[in-house]
Amino acid sequence: ELAARVDVDRGLPPAEALAAALDAF
């Protein structure tokens, strides 16, 4: 469940993807 939540759009720039995944986490 957690892996699905933090699997953000991989097309985002790395810093944005990290921030979005961290927020989801």
PDBML (XML) file of the C-alpha atoms, coordinates in Angstrom:
<?xml version="1.0" encoding="UTF-8" ?>
<PDBx:datablock datablockName="MODEL"
   xmlns:PDBx="http://pdbml.pdb.org/schema/pdbx-v50.xsd"
   xmlns:xsi="http://www.w3.org/2001/XMLSchema-instance"
   xsi:schemaLocation="http://pdbml.pdb.org/schema/pdbx-v50.xsd pdbx-v50.xsd">
   <PDBx:atom_siteCategory>
      <PDBx:atom_site id="1">
         <PDBx:B_iso_or_equiv>0.00</PDBx:B_iso_or_equiv>
         <PDBx:Cartn_x>0.000</PDBx:Cartn_x>
         <PDBx:Cartn_y>0.000</PDBx:Cartn_y>
         <PDBx:Cartn_z>0.000</PDBx:Cartn_z>
         <PDBx:auth_asym_id>A</PDBx:auth_asym_id>
         <PDBx:auth_atom_id>CA</PDBx:auth_atom_id>
         <PDBx:auth_comp_id>GLU</PDBx:auth_comp_id>
         <PDBx:auth_seq_id>1</PDBx:auth_seq_id>
         <PDBx:group_PDB>ATOM</PDBx:group_PDB>
         <PDBx:label_alt_id xsi:nil="true" />
         <PDBx:label_asym_id>A</PDBx:label_asym_id>
         <PDBx:label_atom_id>CA</PDBx:label_atom_id>
         <PDBx:label_comp_id>GLU</PDBx:label_comp_id>
         <PDBx:label_entity_id>1</PDBx:label_entity_id>
         <PDBx:label_seq_id>1</PDBx:label_seq_id>
         <PDBx:occupancy>1.00</PDBx:occupancy>
         <PDBx:pdbx_PDB_model_num>1</PDBx:pdbx_PDB_model_num>
         <PDBx:type_symbol>C</PDBx:type_symbol>
      </PDBx:atom_site>
      <PDBx:atom_site id="2">
         <PDBx:B_iso_or_equiv>0.00</PDBx:B_iso_or_equiv>
         <PDBx:Cartn_x>2.790</PDBx:Cartn_x>
         <PDBx:Cartn_y>2.384</PDBx:Cartn_y>
         <PDBx:Cartn_z>0.899</PDBx:Cartn_z>
         <PDBx:auth_asym_id>A</PDBx:auth_asym_id>
         <PDBx:auth_atom_id>CA</PDBx:auth_atom_id>
         <PDBx:auth_comp_id>LEU</PDBx:auth_comp_id>
         <PDBx:auth_seq_id>2</PDBx:auth_seq_id>
         <PDBx:group_PDB>ATOM</PDBx:group_PDB>
         <PDBx:label_alt_id xsi:nil="true" />
         <PDBx:label_asym_id>A</PDBx:label_asym_id>
         <PDBx:label_atom_id>CA</PDBx:label_atom_id>
         <PDBx:label_comp_id>LEU</PDBx:label_comp_id>
         <PDBx:label_entity_id>1</PDBx:label_entity_id>
         <PDBx:label_seq_id>2</PDBx:label_seq_id>
         <PDBx:occupancy>1.00</PDBx:occupancy>
         <PDBx:pdbx_PDB_model_num>1</PDBx:pdbx_PDB_model_num>
         <PDBx:type_symbol>C</PDBx:type_symbol>
      </PDBx:atom_site>
      <PDBx:atom_site id="3">
         <PDBx:B_iso_or_equiv>0.00</PDBx:B_iso_or_equiv>
         <PDBx:Cartn_x>4.726</PDBx:Cartn_x>
         <PDBx:Cartn_y>1.635</PDBx:Cartn_y>
         <PDBx:Cartn_z>-2.308</PDBx:Cartn_z>
         <PDBx:auth_asym_id>A</PDBx:auth_asym_id>
         <PDBx:auth_atom_id>CA</PDBx:auth_atom_id>
         <PDBx:auth_comp_id>ALA</PDBx:auth_comp_id>
         <PDBx:auth_seq_id>3</PDBx:auth_seq_id>
         <PDBx:group_PDB>ATOM</PDBx:group_PDB>
         <PDBx:label_alt_id xsi:nil="true" />
         <PDBx:label_asym_id>A</PDBx:label_asym_id>
         <PDBx:label_atom_id>CA</PDBx:label_atom_id>
         <PDBx:label_comp_id>ALA</PDBx:label_comp_id>
         <PDBx:label_entity_id>1</PDBx:label_entity_id>
         <PDBx:label_seq_id>3</PDBx:label_seq_id>
         <PDBx:occupancy>1.00</PDBx:occupancy>
         <PDBx:pdbx_PDB_model_num>1</PDBx:pdbx_PDB_model_num>
         <PDBx:type_symbol>C</PDBx:type_symbol>
      </PDBx:atom_site>
      <PDBx:atom_site id="4">
         <PDBx:B_iso_or_equiv>0.00</PDBx:B_iso_or_equiv>
         <PDBx:Cartn_x>1.639</PDBx:Cartn_x>
         <PDBx:Cartn_y>2.467</PDBx:Cartn_y>
         <PDBx:Cartn_z>-4.372</PDBx:Cartn_z>
         <PDBx:auth_asym_id>A</PDBx:auth_asym_id>
         <PDBx:auth_atom_id>CA</PDBx:auth_atom_id>
         <PDBx:auth_comp_id>ALA</PDBx:auth_comp_id>
         <PDBx:auth_seq_id>4</PDBx:auth_seq_id>
         <PDBx:group_PDB>ATOM</PDBx:group_PDB>
         <PDBx:label_alt_id xsi:nil="true" />
         <PDBx:label_asym_id>A</PDBx:label_asym_id>
         <PDBx:label_atom_id>CA</PDBx:label_atom_id>
         <PDBx:label_comp_id>ALA</PDBx:label_comp_id>
         <PDBx:label_entity_id>1</PDBx:label_entity_id>
         <PDBx:label_seq_id>4</PDBx:label_seq_id>
         <PDBx:occupancy>1.00</PDBx:occupancy>
         <PDBx:pdbx_PDB_model_num>1</PDBx:pdbx_PDB_model_num>
         <PDBx:type_symbol>C</PDBx:type_symbol>
      </PDBx:atom_site>
      <PDBx:atom_site id="5">
         <PDBx:B_iso_or_equiv>0.00</PDBx:B_iso_or_equiv>
         <PDBx:Cartn_x>1.172</PDBx:Cartn_x>
         <PDBx:Cartn_y>5.755</PDBx:Cartn_y>
         <PDBx:Cartn_z>-2.507</PDBx:Cartn_z>
         <PDBx:auth_asym_id>A</PDBx:auth_asym_id>
         <PDBx:auth_atom_id>CA</PDBx:auth_atom_id>
         <PDBx:auth_comp_id>ARG</PDBx:auth_comp_id>
         <PDBx:auth_seq_id>5</PDBx:auth_seq_id>
         <PDBx:group_PDB>ATOM</PDBx:group_PDB>
         <PDBx:label_alt_id xsi:nil="true" />
         <PDBx:label_asym_id>A</PDBx:label_asym_id>
         <PDBx:label_atom_id>CA</PDBx:label_atom_id>
         <PDBx:label_comp_id>ARG</PDBx:label_comp_id>
         <PDBx:label_entity_id>1</PDBx:label_entity_id>
         <PDBx:label_seq_id>5</PDBx:label_seq_id>
         <PDBx:occupancy>1.00</PDBx:occupancy>
         <PDBx:pdbx_PDB_model_num>1</PDBx:pdbx_PDB_model_num>
         <PDBx:type_symbol>C</PDBx:type_symbol>
      </PDBx:atom_site>
      <PDBx:atom_site id="6">
         <PDBx:B_iso_or_equiv>0.00</PDBx:B_iso_or_equiv>
         <PDBx:Cartn_x>4.729</PDBx:Cartn_x>
         <PDBx:Cartn_y>6.978</PDBx:Cartn_y>
         <PDBx:Cartn_z>-2.990</PDBx:Cartn_z>
         <PDBx:auth_asym_id>A</PDBx:auth_asym_id>
         <PDBx:auth_atom_id>CA</PDBx:auth_atom_id>
         <PDBx:auth_comp_id>VAL</PDBx:auth_comp_id>
         <PDBx:auth_seq_id>6</PDBx:auth_seq_id>
         <PDBx:group_PDB>ATOM</PDBx:group_PDB>
         <PDBx:label_alt_id xsi:nil="true" />
         <PDBx:label_asym_id>A</PDBx:label_asym_id>
         <PDBx:label_atom_id>CA</PDBx:label_atom_id>
         <PDBx:label_comp_id>VAL</PDBx:label_comp_id>
         <PDBx:label_entity_id>1</PDBx:label_entity_id>
         <PDBx:label_seq_id>6</PDBx:label_seq_id>
         <PDBx:occupancy>1.00</PDBx:occupancy>
         <PDBx:pdbx_PDB_model_num>1</PDBx:pdbx_PDB_model_num>
         <PDBx:type_symbol>C</PDBx:type_symbol>
      </PDBx:atom_site>
      <PDBx:atom_site id="7">
         <PDBx:B_iso_or_equiv>0.00</PDBx:B_iso_or_equiv>
         <PDBx:Cartn_x>4.989</PDBx:Cartn_x>
         <PDBx:Cartn_y>5.916</PDBx:Cartn_y>
         <PDBx:Cartn_z>-6.638</PDBx:Cartn_z>
         <PDBx:auth_asym_id>A</PDBx:auth_asym_id>
         <PDBx:auth_atom_id>CA</PDBx:auth_atom_id>
         <PDBx:auth_comp_id>ASP</PDBx:auth_comp_id>
         <PDBx:auth_seq_id>7</PDBx:auth_seq_id>
         <PDBx:group_PDB>ATOM</PDBx:group_PDB>
         <PDBx:label_alt_id xsi:nil="true" />
         <PDBx:label_asym_id>A</PDBx:label_asym_id>
         <PDBx:label_atom_id>CA</PDBx:label_atom_id>
         <PDBx:label_comp_id>ASP</PDBx:label_comp_id>
         <PDBx:label_entity_id>1</PDBx:label_entity_id>
         <PDBx:label_seq_id>7</PDBx:label_seq_id>
         <PDBx:occupancy>1.00</PDBx:occupancy>
         <PDBx:pdbx_PDB_model_num>1</PDBx:pdbx_PDB_model_num>
         <PDBx:type_symbol>C</PDBx:type_symbol>
      </PDBx:atom_site>
      <PDBx:atom_site id="8">
         <PDBx:B_iso_or_equiv>0.00</PDBx:B_iso_or_equiv>
         <PDBx:Cartn_x>4.711</PDBx:Cartn_x>
         <PDBx:Cartn_y>9.423</PDBx:Cartn_y>
         <PDBx:Cartn_z>-8.043</PDBx:Cartn_z>
         <PDBx:auth_asym_id>A</PDBx:auth_asym_id>
         <PDBx:auth_atom_id>CA</PDBx:auth_atom_id>
         <PDBx:auth_comp_id>VAL</PDBx:auth_comp_id>
         <PDBx:auth_seq_id>8</PDBx:auth_seq_id>
         <PDBx:group_PDB>ATOM</PDBx:group_PDB>
         <PDBx:label_alt_id xsi:nil="true" />
         <PDBx:label_asym_id>A</PDBx:label_asym_id>
         <PDBx:label_atom_id>CA</PDBx:label_atom_id>
         <PDBx:label_comp_id>VAL</PDBx:label_comp_id>
         <PDBx:label_entity_id>1</PDBx:label_entity_id>
         <PDBx:label_seq_id>8</PDBx:label_seq_id>
         <PDBx:occupancy>1.00</PDBx:occupancy>
         <PDBx:pdbx_PDB_model_num>1</PDBx:pdbx_PDB_model_num>
         <PDBx:type_symbol>C</PDBx:type_symbol>
      </PDBx:atom_site>
      <PDBx:atom_site id="9">
         <PDBx:B_iso_or_equiv>0.00</PDBx:B_iso_or_equiv>
         <PDBx:Cartn_x>4.920</PDBx:Cartn_x>
         <PDBx:Cartn_y>10.536</PDBx:Cartn_y>
         <PDBx:Cartn_z>-11.665</PDBx:Cartn_z>
         <PDBx:auth_asym_id>A</PDBx:auth_asym_id>
         <PDBx:auth_atom_id>CA</PDBx:auth_atom_id>
         <PDBx:auth_comp_id>ASP</PDBx:auth_comp_id>
         <PDBx:auth_seq_id>9</PDBx:auth_seq_id>
         <PDBx:group_PDB>ATOM</PDBx:group_PDB>
         <PDBx:label_alt_id xsi:nil="true" />
         <PDBx:label_asym_id>A</PDBx:label_asym_id>
         <PDBx:label_atom_id>CA</PDBx:label_atom_id>
         <PDBx:label_comp_id>ASP</PDBx:label_comp_id>
         <PDBx:label_entity_id>1</PDBx:label_entity_id>
         <PDBx:label_seq_id>9</PDBx:label_seq_id>
         <PDBx:occupancy>1.00</PDBx:occupancy>
         <PDBx:pdbx_PDB_model_num>1</PDBx:pdbx_PDB_model_num>
         <PDBx:type_symbol>C</PDBx:type_symbol>
      </PDBx:atom_site>
      <PDBx:atom_site id="10">
         <PDBx:B_iso_or_equiv>0.00</PDBx:B_iso_or_equiv>
         <PDBx:Cartn_x>8.387</PDBx:Cartn_x>
         <PDBx:Cartn_y>9.466</PDBx:Cartn_y>
         <PDBx:Cartn_z>-12.776</PDBx:Cartn_z>
         <PDBx:auth_asym_id>A</PDBx:auth_asym_id>
         <PDBx:auth_atom_id>CA</PDBx:auth_atom_id>
         <PDBx:auth_comp_id>ARG</PDBx:auth_comp_id>
         <PDBx:auth_seq_id>10</PDBx:auth_seq_id>
         <PDBx:group_PDB>ATOM</PDBx:group_PDB>
         <PDBx:label_alt_id xsi:nil="true" />
         <PDBx:label_asym_id>A</PDBx:label_asym_id>
         <PDBx:label_atom_id>CA</PDBx:label_atom_id>
         <PDBx:label_comp_id>ARG</PDBx:label_comp_id>
         <PDBx:label_entity_id>1</PDBx:label_entity_id>
         <PDBx:label_seq_id>10</PDBx:label_seq_id>
         <PDBx:occupancy>1.00</PDBx:occupancy>
         <PDBx:pdbx_PDB_model_num>1</PDBx:pdbx_PDB_model_num>
         <PDBx:type_symbol>C</PDBx:type_symbol>
      </PDBx:atom_site>
      <PDBx:atom_site id="11">
         <PDBx:B_iso_or_equiv>0.00</PDBx:B_iso_or_equiv>
         <PDBx:Cartn_x>8.287</PDBx:Cartn_x>
         <PDBx:Cartn_y>12.169</PDBx:Cartn_y>
         <PDBx:Cartn_z>-15.431</PDBx:Cartn_z>
         <PDBx:auth_asym_id>A</PDBx:auth_asym_id>
         <PDBx:auth_atom_id>CA</PDBx:auth_atom_id>
         <PDBx:auth_comp_id>GLY</PDBx:auth_comp_id>
         <PDBx:auth_seq_id>11</PDBx:auth_seq_id>
         <PDBx:group_PDB>ATOM</PDBx:group_PDB>
         <PDBx:label_alt_id xsi:nil="true" />
         <PDBx:label_asym_id>A</PDBx:label_asym_id>
         <PDBx:label_atom_id>CA</PDBx:label_atom_id>
         <PDBx:label_comp_id>GLY</PDBx:label_comp_id>
         <PDBx:label_entity_id>1</PDBx:label_entity_id>
         <PDBx:label_seq_id>11</PDBx:label_seq_id>
         <PDBx:occupancy>1.00</PDBx:occupancy>
         <PDBx:pdbx_PDB_model_num>1</PDBx:pdbx_PDB_model_num>
         <PDBx:type_symbol>C</PDBx:type_symbol>
      </PDBx:atom_site>
      <PDBx:atom_site id="12">
         <PDBx:B_iso_or_equiv>0.00</PDBx:B_iso_or_equiv>
         <PDBx:Cartn_x>8.669</PDBx:Cartn_x>
         <PDBx:Cartn_y>14.851</PDBx:Cartn_y>
         <PDBx:Cartn_z>-12.767</PDBx:Cartn_z>
         <PDBx:auth_asym_id>A</PDBx:auth_asym_id>
         <PDBx:auth_atom_id>CA</PDBx:auth_atom_id>
         <PDBx:auth_comp_id>LEU</PDBx:auth_comp_id>
         <PDBx:auth_seq_id>12</PDBx:auth_seq_id>
         <PDBx:group_PDB>ATOM</PDBx:group_PDB>
         <PDBx:label_alt_id xsi:nil="true" />
         <PDBx:label_asym_id>A</PDBx:label_asym_id>
         <PDBx:label_atom_id>CA</PDBx:label_atom_id>
         <PDBx:label_comp_id>LEU</PDBx:label_comp_id>
         <PDBx:label_entity_id>1</PDBx:label_entity_id>
         <PDBx:label_seq_id>12</PDBx:label_seq_id>
         <PDBx:occupancy>1.00</PDBx:occupancy>
         <PDBx:pdbx_PDB_model_num>1</PDBx:pdbx_PDB_model_num>
         <PDBx:type_symbol>C</PDBx:type_symbol>
      </PDBx:atom_site>
      <PDBx:atom_site id="13">
         <PDBx:B_iso_or_equiv>0.00</PDBx:B_iso_or_equiv>
         <PDBx:Cartn_x>12.079</PDBx:Cartn_x>
         <PDBx:Cartn_y>16.417</PDBx:Cartn_y>
         <PDBx:Cartn_z>-12.191</PDBx:Cartn_z>
         <PDBx:auth_asym_id>A</PDBx:auth_asym_id>
         <PDBx:auth_atom_id>CA</PDBx:auth_atom_id>
         <PDBx:auth_comp_id>PRO</PDBx:auth_comp_id>
         <PDBx:auth_seq_id>13</PDBx:auth_seq_id>
         <PDBx:group_PDB>ATOM</PDBx:group_PDB>
         <PDBx:label_alt_id xsi:nil="true" />
         <PDBx:label_asym_id>A</PDBx:label_asym_id>
         <PDBx:label_atom_id>CA</PDBx:label_atom_id>
         <PDBx:label_comp_id>PRO</PDBx:label_comp_id>
         <PDBx:label_entity_id>1</PDBx:label_entity_id>
         <PDBx:label_seq_id>13</PDBx:label_seq_id>
         <PDBx:occupancy>1.00</PDBx:occupancy>
         <PDBx:pdbx_PDB_model_num>1</PDBx:pdbx_PDB_model_num>
         <PDBx:type_symbol>C</PDBx:type_symbol>
      </PDBx:atom_site>
      <PDBx:atom_site id="14">
         <PDBx:B_iso_or_equiv>0.00</PDBx:B_iso_or_equiv>
         <PDBx:Cartn_x>13.879</PDBx:Cartn_x>
         <PDBx:Cartn_y>14.445</PDBx:Cartn_y>
         <PDBx:Cartn_z>-9.428</PDBx:Cartn_z>
         <PDBx:auth_asym_id>A</PDBx:auth_asym_id>
         <PDBx:auth_atom_id>CA</PDBx:auth_atom_id>
         <PDBx:auth_comp_id>PRO</PDBx:auth_comp_id>
         <PDBx:auth_seq_id>14</PDBx:auth_seq_id>
         <PDBx:group_PDB>ATOM</PDBx:group_PDB>
         <PDBx:label_alt_id xsi:nil="true" />
         <PDBx:label_asym_id>A</PDBx:label_asym_id>
         <PDBx:label_atom_id>CA</PDBx:label_atom_id>
         <PDBx:label_comp_id>PRO</PDBx:label_comp_id>
         <PDBx:label_entity_id>1</PDBx:label_entity_id>
         <PDBx:label_seq_id>14</PDBx:label_seq_id>
         <PDBx:occupancy>1.00</PDBx:occupancy>
         <PDBx:pdbx_PDB_model_num>1</PDBx:pdbx_PDB_model_num>
         <PDBx:type_symbol>C</PDBx:type_symbol>
      </PDBx:atom_site>
      <PDBx:atom_site id="15">
         <PDBx:B_iso_or_equiv>0.00</PDBx:B_iso_or_equiv>
         <PDBx:Cartn_x>13.515</PDBx:Cartn_x>
         <PDBx:Cartn_y>17.139</PDBx:Cartn_y>
         <PDBx:Cartn_z>-6.748</PDBx:Cartn_z>
         <PDBx:auth_asym_id>A</PDBx:auth_asym_id>
         <PDBx:auth_atom_id>CA</PDBx:auth_atom_id>
         <PDBx:auth_comp_id>ALA</PDBx:auth_comp_id>
         <PDBx:auth_seq_id>15</PDBx:auth_seq_id>
         <PDBx:group_PDB>ATOM</PDBx:group_PDB>
         <PDBx:label_alt_id xsi:nil="true" />
         <PDBx:label_asym_id>A</PDBx:label_asym_id>
         <PDBx:label_atom_id>CA</PDBx:label_atom_id>
         <PDBx:label_comp_id>ALA</PDBx:label_comp_id>
         <PDBx:label_entity_id>1</PDBx:label_entity_id>
         <PDBx:label_seq_id>15</PDBx:label_seq_id>
         <PDBx:occupancy>1.00</PDBx:occupancy>
         <PDBx:pdbx_PDB_model_num>1</PDBx:pdbx_PDB_model_num>
         <PDBx:type_symbol>C</PDBx:type_symbol>
      </PDBx:atom_site>
      <PDBx:atom_site id="16">
         <PDBx:B_iso_or_equiv>0.00</PDBx:B_iso_or_equiv>
         <PDBx:Cartn_x>9.758</PDBx:Cartn_x>
         <PDBx:Cartn_y>17.478</PDBx:Cartn_y>
         <PDBx:Cartn_z>-7.388</PDBx:Cartn_z>
         <PDBx:auth_asym_id>A</PDBx:auth_asym_id>
         <PDBx:auth_atom_id>CA</PDBx:auth_atom_id>
         <PDBx:auth_comp_id>GLU</PDBx:auth_comp_id>
         <PDBx:auth_seq_id>16</PDBx:auth_seq_id>
         <PDBx:group_PDB>ATOM</PDBx:group_PDB>
         <PDBx:label_alt_id xsi:nil="true" />
         <PDBx:label_asym_id>A</PDBx:label_asym_id>
         <PDBx:label_atom_id>CA</PDBx:label_atom_id>
         <PDBx:label_comp_id>GLU</PDBx:label_comp_id>
         <PDBx:label_entity_id>1</PDBx:label_entity_id>
         <PDBx:label_seq_id>16</PDBx:label_seq_id>
         <PDBx:occupancy>1.00</PDBx:occupancy>
         <PDBx:pdbx_PDB_model_num>1</PDBx:pdbx_PDB_model_num>
         <PDBx:type_symbol>C</PDBx:type_symbol>
      </PDBx:atom_site>
      <PDBx:atom_site id="17">
         <PDBx:B_iso_or_equiv>0.00</PDBx:B_iso_or_equiv>
         <PDBx:Cartn_x>9.295</PDBx:Cartn_x>
         <PDBx:Cartn_y>13.700</PDBx:Cartn_y>
         <PDBx:Cartn_z>-7.479</PDBx:Cartn_z>
         <PDBx:auth_asym_id>A</PDBx:auth_asym_id>
         <PDBx:auth_atom_id>CA</PDBx:auth_atom_id>
         <PDBx:auth_comp_id>ALA</PDBx:auth_comp_id>
         <PDBx:auth_seq_id>17</PDBx:auth_seq_id>
         <PDBx:group_PDB>ATOM</PDBx:group_PDB>
         <PDBx:label_alt_id xsi:nil="true" />
         <PDBx:label_asym_id>A</PDBx:label_asym_id>
         <PDBx:label_atom_id>CA</PDBx:label_atom_id>
         <PDBx:label_comp_id>ALA</PDBx:label_comp_id>
         <PDBx:label_entity_id>1</PDBx:label_entity_id>
         <PDBx:label_seq_id>17</PDBx:label_seq_id>
         <PDBx:occupancy>1.00</PDBx:occupancy>
         <PDBx:pdbx_PDB_model_num>1</PDBx:pdbx_PDB_model_num>
         <PDBx:type_symbol>C</PDBx:type_symbol>
      </PDBx:atom_site>
      <PDBx:atom_site id="18">
         <PDBx:B_iso_or_equiv>0.00</PDBx:B_iso_or_equiv>
         <PDBx:Cartn_x>11.154</PDBx:Cartn_x>
         <PDBx:Cartn_y>13.346</PDBx:Cartn_y>
         <PDBx:Cartn_z>-4.179</PDBx:Cartn_z>
         <PDBx:auth_asym_id>A</PDBx:auth_asym_id>
         <PDBx:auth_atom_id>CA</PDBx:auth_atom_id>
         <PDBx:auth_comp_id>LEU</PDBx:auth_comp_id>
         <PDBx:auth_seq_id>18</PDBx:auth_seq_id>
         <PDBx:group_PDB>ATOM</PDBx:group_PDB>
         <PDBx:label_alt_id xsi:nil="true" />
         <PDBx:label_asym_id>A</PDBx:label_asym_id>
         <PDBx:label_atom_id>CA</PDBx:label_atom_id>
         <PDBx:label_comp_id>LEU</PDBx:label_comp_id>
         <PDBx:label_entity_id>1</PDBx:label_entity_id>
         <PDBx:label_seq_id>18</PDBx:label_seq_id>
         <PDBx:occupancy>1.00</PDBx:occupancy>
         <PDBx:pdbx_PDB_model_num>1</PDBx:pdbx_PDB_model_num>
         <PDBx:type_symbol>C</PDBx:type_symbol>
      </PDBx:atom_site>
      <PDBx:atom_site id="19">
         <PDBx:B_iso_or_equiv>0.00</PDBx:B_iso_or_equiv>
         <PDBx:Cartn_x>9.087</PDBx:Cartn_x>
         <PDBx:Cartn_y>16.095</PDBx:Cartn_y>
         <PDBx:Cartn_z>-2.520</PDBx:Cartn_z>
         <PDBx:auth_asym_id>A</PDBx:auth_asym_id>
         <PDBx:auth_atom_id>CA</PDBx:auth_atom_id>
         <PDBx:auth_comp_id>ALA</PDBx:auth_comp_id>
         <PDBx:auth_seq_id>19</PDBx:auth_seq_id>
         <PDBx:group_PDB>ATOM</PDBx:group_PDB>
         <PDBx:label_alt_id xsi:nil="true" />
         <PDBx:label_asym_id>A</PDBx:label_asym_id>
         <PDBx:label_atom_id>CA</PDBx:label_atom_id>
         <PDBx:label_comp_id>ALA</PDBx:label_comp_id>
         <PDBx:label_entity_id>1</PDBx:label_entity_id>
         <PDBx:label_seq_id>19</PDBx:label_seq_id>
         <PDBx:occupancy>1.00</PDBx:occupancy>
         <PDBx:pdbx_PDB_model_num>1</PDBx:pdbx_PDB_model_num>
         <PDBx:type_symbol>C</PDBx:type_symbol>
      </PDBx:atom_site>
      <PDBx:atom_site id="20">
         <PDBx:B_iso_or_equiv>0.00</PDBx:B_iso_or_equiv>
         <PDBx:Cartn_x>5.838</PDBx:Cartn_x>
         <PDBx:Cartn_y>14.547</PDBx:Cartn_y>
         <PDBx:Cartn_z>-3.770</PDBx:Cartn_z>
         <PDBx:auth_asym_id>A</PDBx:auth_asym_id>
         <PDBx:auth_atom_id>CA</PDBx:auth_atom_id>
         <PDBx:auth_comp_id>ALA</PDBx:auth_comp_id>
         <PDBx:auth_seq_id>20</PDBx:auth_seq_id>
         <PDBx:group_PDB>ATOM</PDBx:group_PDB>
         <PDBx:label_alt_id xsi:nil="true" />
         <PDBx:label_asym_id>A</PDBx:label_asym_id>
         <PDBx:label_atom_id>CA</PDBx:label_atom_id>
         <PDBx:label_comp_id>ALA</PDBx:label_comp_id>
         <PDBx:label_entity_id>1</PDBx:label_entity_id>
         <PDBx:label_seq_id>20</PDBx:label_seq_id>
         <PDBx:occupancy>1.00</PDBx:occupancy>
         <PDBx:pdbx_PDB_model_num>1</PDBx:pdbx_PDB_model_num>
         <PDBx:type_symbol>C</PDBx:type_symbol>
      </PDBx:atom_site>
      <PDBx:atom_site id="21">
         <PDBx:B_iso_or_equiv>0.00</PDBx:B_iso_or_equiv>
         <PDBx:Cartn_x>6.844</PDBx:Cartn_x>
         <PDBx:Cartn_y>11.031</PDBx:Cartn_y>
         <PDBx:Cartn_z>-2.678</PDBx:Cartn_z>
         <PDBx:auth_asym_id>A</PDBx:auth_asym_id>
         <PDBx:auth_atom_id>CA</PDBx:auth_atom_id>
         <PDBx:auth_comp_id>ALA</PDBx:auth_comp_id>
         <PDBx:auth_seq_id>21</PDBx:auth_seq_id>
         <PDBx:group_PDB>ATOM</PDBx:group_PDB>
         <PDBx:label_alt_id xsi:nil="true" />
         <PDBx:label_asym_id>A</PDBx:label_asym_id>
         <PDBx:label_atom_id>CA</PDBx:label_atom_id>
         <PDBx:label_comp_id>ALA</PDBx:label_comp_id>
         <PDBx:label_entity_id>1</PDBx:label_entity_id>
         <PDBx:label_seq_id>21</PDBx:label_seq_id>
         <PDBx:occupancy>1.00</PDBx:occupancy>
         <PDBx:pdbx_PDB_model_num>1</PDBx:pdbx_PDB_model_num>
         <PDBx:type_symbol>C</PDBx:type_symbol>
      </PDBx:atom_site>
      <PDBx:atom_site id="22">
         <PDBx:B_iso_or_equiv>0.00</PDBx:B_iso_or_equiv>
         <PDBx:Cartn_x>7.950</PDBx:Cartn_x>
         <PDBx:Cartn_y>12.316</PDBx:Cartn_y>
         <PDBx:Cartn_z>0.729</PDBx:Cartn_z>
         <PDBx:auth_asym_id>A</PDBx:auth_asym_id>
         <PDBx:auth_atom_id>CA</PDBx:auth_atom_id>
         <PDBx:auth_comp_id>LEU</PDBx:auth_comp_id>
         <PDBx:auth_seq_id>22</PDBx:auth_seq_id>
         <PDBx:group_PDB>ATOM</PDBx:group_PDB>
         <PDBx:label_alt_id xsi:nil="true" />
         <PDBx:label_asym_id>A</PDBx:label_asym_id>
         <PDBx:label_atom_id>CA</PDBx:label_atom_id>
         <PDBx:label_comp_id>LEU</PDBx:label_comp_id>
         <PDBx:label_entity_id>1</PDBx:label_entity_id>
         <PDBx:label_seq_id>22</PDBx:label_seq_id>
         <PDBx:occupancy>1.00</PDBx:occupancy>
         <PDBx:pdbx_PDB_model_num>1</PDBx:pdbx_PDB_model_num>
         <PDBx:type_symbol>C</PDBx:type_symbol>
      </PDBx:atom_site>
      <PDBx:atom_site id="23">
         <PDBx:B_iso_or_equiv>0.00</PDBx:B_iso_or_equiv>
         <PDBx:Cartn_x>4.666</PDBx:Cartn_x>
         <PDBx:Cartn_y>14.156</PDBx:Cartn_y>
         <PDBx:Cartn_z>1.166</PDBx:Cartn_z>
         <PDBx:auth_asym_id>A</PDBx:auth_asym_id>
         <PDBx:auth_atom_id>CA</PDBx:auth_atom_id>
         <PDBx:auth_comp_id>ASP</PDBx:auth_comp_id>
         <PDBx:auth_seq_id>23</PDBx:auth_seq_id>
         <PDBx:group_PDB>ATOM</PDBx:group_PDB>
         <PDBx:label_alt_id xsi:nil="true" />
         <PDBx:label_asym_id>A</PDBx:label_asym_id>
         <PDBx:label_atom_id>CA</PDBx:label_atom_id>
         <PDBx:label_comp_id>ASP</PDBx:label_comp_id>
         <PDBx:label_entity_id>1</PDBx:label_entity_id>
         <PDBx:label_seq_id>23</PDBx:label_seq_id>
         <PDBx:occupancy>1.00</PDBx:occupancy>
         <PDBx:pdbx_PDB_model_num>1</PDBx:pdbx_PDB_model_num>
         <PDBx:type_symbol>C</PDBx:type_symbol>
      </PDBx:atom_site>
      <PDBx:atom_site id="24">
         <PDBx:B_iso_or_equiv>0.00</PDBx:B_iso_or_equiv>
         <PDBx:Cartn_x>2.730</PDBx:Cartn_x>
         <PDBx:Cartn_y>10.990</PDBx:Cartn_y>
         <PDBx:Cartn_z>0.258</PDBx:Cartn_z>
         <PDBx:auth_asym_id>A</PDBx:auth_asym_id>
         <PDBx:auth_atom_id>CA</PDBx:auth_atom_id>
         <PDBx:auth_comp_id>ALA</PDBx:auth_comp_id>
         <PDBx:auth_seq_id>24</PDBx:auth_seq_id>
         <PDBx:group_PDB>ATOM</PDBx:group_PDB>
         <PDBx:label_alt_id xsi:nil="true" />
         <PDBx:label_asym_id>A</PDBx:label_asym_id>
         <PDBx:label_atom_id>CA</PDBx:label_atom_id>
         <PDBx:label_comp_id>ALA</PDBx:label_comp_id>
         <PDBx:label_entity_id>1</PDBx:label_entity_id>
         <PDBx:label_seq_id>24</PDBx:label_seq_id>
         <PDBx:occupancy>1.00</PDBx:occupancy>
         <PDBx:pdbx_PDB_model_num>1</PDBx:pdbx_PDB_model_num>
         <PDBx:type_symbol>C</PDBx:type_symbol>
      </PDBx:atom_site>
      <PDBx:atom_site id="25">
         <PDBx:B_iso_or_equiv>0.00</PDBx:B_iso_or_equiv>
         <PDBx:Cartn_x>4.857</PDBx:Cartn_x>
         <PDBx:Cartn_y>9.014</PDBx:Cartn_y>
         <PDBx:Cartn_z>2.723</PDBx:Cartn_z>
         <PDBx:auth_asym_id>A</PDBx:auth_asym_id>
         <PDBx:auth_atom_id>CA</PDBx:auth_atom_id>
         <PDBx:auth_comp_id>PHE</PDBx:auth_comp_id>
         <PDBx:auth_seq_id>25</PDBx:auth_seq_id>
         <PDBx:group_PDB>ATOM</PDBx:group_PDB>
         <PDBx:label_alt_id xsi:nil="true" />
         <PDBx:label_asym_id>A</PDBx:label_asym_id>
         <PDBx:label_atom_id>CA</PDBx:label_atom_id>
         <PDBx:label_comp_id>PHE</PDBx:label_comp_id>
         <PDBx:label_entity_id>1</PDBx:label_entity_id>
         <PDBx:label_seq_id>25</PDBx:label_seq_id>
         <PDBx:occupancy>1.00</PDBx:occupancy>
         <PDBx:pdbx_PDB_model_num>1</PDBx:pdbx_PDB_model_num>
         <PDBx:type_symbol>C</PDBx:type_symbol>
      </PDBx:atom_site>
   </PDBx:atom_siteCategory>
</PDBx:datablock>
